[in-house]
Amino acid sequence: MISIIIPFYNEEKNLSALYTELTQAMRDTQKEYETIFVDDGSTYEGTKVVEELSKKDNH
């Protein structure tokens, strides 16, 4: 399994785009993977974005 760890800090505008690109790239590899987003103390809405993404995808 491949573990992808993504620290973020106030990047709520970029998280969805990153997720989309990463998901497509990993699906193309046909390998098992997990994505771990780590909030580095954001003061904006990044955690909410990640929570919404996690509801759609169990990776």
N, C-alpha and C. Protein backbone atom coordinates (compact mmCIF):
# COMPACT_ATOMS: atom_id res chain seq x y z
N MET A 1 0.84 -1.18 0.00
CA MET A 1 0.00 0.00 0.00
C MET A 1 0.88 1.23 0.00
N ILE A 2 0.45 2.23 -0.74
CA ILE A 2 1.14 3.51 -0.78
C ILE A 2 0.40 4.47 0.14
N SER A 3 1.13 5.13 1.04
CA SER A 3 0.56 6.15 1.91
C SER A 3 1.04 7.51 1.44
N ILE A 4 0.10 8.38 1.17
CA ILE A 4 0.41 9.74 0.72
C ILE A 4 0.03 10.68 1.85
N ILE A 5 1.00 11.39 2.37
CA ILE A 5 0.77 12.29 3.49
C ILE A 5 0.87 13.72 2.98
N ILE A 6 -0.19 14.50 3.22
CA ILE A 6 -0.25 15.87 2.71
C ILE A 6 -0.49 16.83 3.87
N PRO A 7 0.57 17.51 4.31
CA PRO A 7 0.35 18.55 5.32
C PRO A 7 -0.21 19.80 4.62
N PHE A 8 -1.11 20.48 5.30
CA PHE A 8 -1.64 21.71 4.70
C PHE A 8 -1.83 22.78 5.78
N TYR A 9 -1.69 24.00 5.34
CA TYR A 9 -1.87 25.16 6.21
C TYR A 9 -2.56 26.25 5.40
N ASN A 10 -3.81 26.52 5.72
CA ASN A 10 -4.60 27.54 5.03
C ASN A 10 -4.60 27.36 3.51
N GLU A 11 -4.84 26.14 3.07
CA GLU A 11 -4.85 25.81 1.64
C GLU A 11 -6.22 25.35 1.16
N GLU A 12 -7.28 25.80 1.80
CA GLU A 12 -8.60 25.28 1.46
C GLU A 12 -8.96 25.49 0.00
N LYS A 13 -8.42 26.49 -0.65
CA LYS A 13 -8.74 26.74 -2.05
C LYS A 13 -8.06 25.73 -2.98
N ASN A 14 -7.00 25.10 -2.51
CA ASN A 14 -6.23 24.19 -3.35
C ASN A 14 -6.48 22.71 -3.06
N LEU A 15 -7.09 22.39 -1.95
CA LEU A 15 -7.22 21.00 -1.53
C LEU A 15 -8.08 20.16 -2.48
N SER A 16 -9.16 20.70 -2.96
CA SER A 16 -10.02 19.94 -3.87
C SER A 16 -9.32 19.64 -5.18
N ALA A 17 -8.62 20.61 -5.71
CA ALA A 17 -7.89 20.41 -6.96
C ALA A 17 -6.77 19.38 -6.77
N LEU A 18 -6.06 19.49 -5.67
CA LEU A 18 -5.01 18.52 -5.36
C LEU A 18 -5.60 17.12 -5.25
N TYR A 19 -6.69 16.99 -4.53
CA TYR A 19 -7.36 15.70 -4.37
C TYR A 19 -7.74 15.12 -5.73
N THR A 20 -8.33 15.91 -6.59
CA THR A 20 -8.76 15.44 -7.91
C THR A 20 -7.58 14.92 -8.72
N GLU A 21 -6.51 15.69 -8.78
CA GLU A 21 -5.33 15.29 -9.55
C GLU A 21 -4.69 14.04 -8.96
N LEU A 22 -4.56 14.01 -7.66
CA LEU A 22 -3.94 12.88 -6.98
C LEU A 22 -4.76 11.61 -7.17
N THR A 23 -6.07 11.71 -7.02
CA THR A 23 -6.94 10.56 -7.18
C THR A 23 -6.83 9.99 -8.59
N GLN A 24 -6.84 10.83 -9.57
CA GLN A 24 -6.72 10.35 -10.95
C GLN A 24 -5.38 9.68 -11.19
N ALA A 25 -4.31 10.27 -10.70
CA ALA A 25 -2.99 9.68 -10.87
C ALA A 25 -2.89 8.32 -10.19
N MET A 26 -3.43 8.19 -9.01
CA MET A 26 -3.36 6.93 -8.28
C MET A 26 -4.26 5.87 -8.91
N ARG A 27 -5.39 6.25 -9.40
CA ARG A 27 -6.26 5.27 -10.09
C ARG A 27 -5.58 4.72 -11.33
N ASP A 28 -4.82 5.57 -12.01
CA ASP A 28 -4.10 5.13 -13.20
C ASP A 28 -3.03 4.09 -12.86
N THR A 29 -2.48 4.13 -11.66
CA THR A 29 -1.46 3.16 -11.27
C THR A 29 -2.06 1.82 -10.87
N GLN A 30 -3.33 1.81 -10.53
CA GLN A 30 -4.04 0.61 -10.09
C GLN A 30 -3.40 -0.02 -8.85
N LYS A 31 -2.76 0.79 -8.03
CA LYS A 31 -2.17 0.32 -6.78
C LYS A 31 -3.05 0.76 -5.61
N GLU A 32 -2.99 -0.01 -4.54
CA GLU A 32 -3.74 0.33 -3.33
C GLU A 32 -3.05 1.53 -2.66
N TYR A 33 -3.87 2.48 -2.19
CA TYR A 33 -3.28 3.67 -1.57
C TYR A 33 -4.21 4.25 -0.51
N GLU A 34 -3.62 5.09 0.31
CA GLU A 34 -4.39 5.89 1.26
C GLU A 34 -3.84 7.30 1.21
N THR A 35 -4.71 8.26 1.46
CA THR A 35 -4.31 9.66 1.50
C THR A 35 -4.56 10.18 2.90
N ILE A 36 -3.53 10.77 3.49
CA ILE A 36 -3.63 11.30 4.84
C ILE A 36 -3.37 12.80 4.78
N PHE A 37 -4.39 13.57 5.07
CA PHE A 37 -4.25 15.03 5.13
C PHE A 37 -3.97 15.42 6.57
N VAL A 38 -2.96 16.27 6.77
CA VAL A 38 -2.57 16.70 8.11
C VAL A 38 -2.71 18.22 8.20
N ASP A 39 -3.64 18.67 9.03
CA ASP A 39 -3.84 20.11 9.24
C ASP A 39 -2.72 20.63 10.12
N ASP A 40 -1.92 21.53 9.57
CA ASP A 40 -0.78 22.12 10.29
C ASP A 40 -1.17 23.38 11.05
N GLY A 41 -2.39 23.43 11.56
CA GLY A 41 -2.82 24.58 12.34
C GLY A 41 -3.53 25.65 11.54
N SER A 42 -4.21 25.25 10.49
CA SER A 42 -4.94 26.20 9.65
C SER A 42 -5.92 27.03 10.47
N THR A 43 -6.10 28.24 10.03
CA THR A 43 -7.09 29.11 10.66
C THR A 43 -8.29 29.33 9.75
N TYR A 44 -8.30 28.69 8.60
CA TYR A 44 -9.39 28.83 7.66
C TYR A 44 -10.20 27.54 7.59
N GLU A 45 -10.75 27.22 6.44
CA GLU A 45 -11.72 26.12 6.29
C GLU A 45 -11.13 24.83 5.73
N GLY A 46 -9.83 24.65 5.77
CA GLY A 46 -9.20 23.47 5.19
C GLY A 46 -9.70 22.16 5.77
N THR A 47 -9.88 22.10 7.07
CA THR A 47 -10.35 20.88 7.70
C THR A 47 -11.74 20.51 7.21
N LYS A 48 -12.60 21.48 7.02
CA LYS A 48 -13.95 21.20 6.51
C LYS A 48 -13.89 20.63 5.10
N VAL A 49 -12.99 21.16 4.28
CA VAL A 49 -12.84 20.65 2.92
C VAL A 49 -12.41 19.19 2.96
N VAL A 50 -11.44 18.87 3.78
CA VAL A 50 -10.94 17.50 3.89
C VAL A 50 -12.04 16.57 4.43
N GLU A 51 -12.81 17.03 5.38
CA GLU A 51 -13.91 16.21 5.91
C GLU A 51 -14.92 15.89 4.81
N GLU A 52 -15.23 16.86 3.97
CA GLU A 52 -16.16 16.62 2.87
C GLU A 52 -15.58 15.64 1.86
N LEU A 53 -14.30 15.78 1.56
CA LEU A 53 -13.65 14.86 0.63
C LEU A 53 -13.66 13.44 1.18
N SER A 54 -13.44 13.30 2.47
CA SER A 54 -13.39 11.96 3.07
C SER A 54 -14.76 11.27 3.05
N LYS A 55 -15.82 12.03 3.01
CA LYS A 55 -17.16 11.44 2.92
C LYS A 55 -17.40 10.79 1.56
N LYS A 56 -16.69 11.29 0.53
CA LYS A 56 -16.85 10.81 -0.83
C LYS A 56 -15.92 9.66 -1.17
N ASP A 57 -14.81 9.55 -0.45
CA ASP A 57 -13.76 8.62 -0.83
C ASP A 57 -13.10 8.03 0.40
N ASN A 58 -13.03 6.72 0.50
CA ASN A 58 -12.45 6.10 1.68
C ASN A 58 -10.94 5.92 1.61
N HIS A 59 -10.32 6.45 0.58
CA HIS A 59 -8.86 6.37 0.49
C HIS A 59 -8.23 7.36 1.45
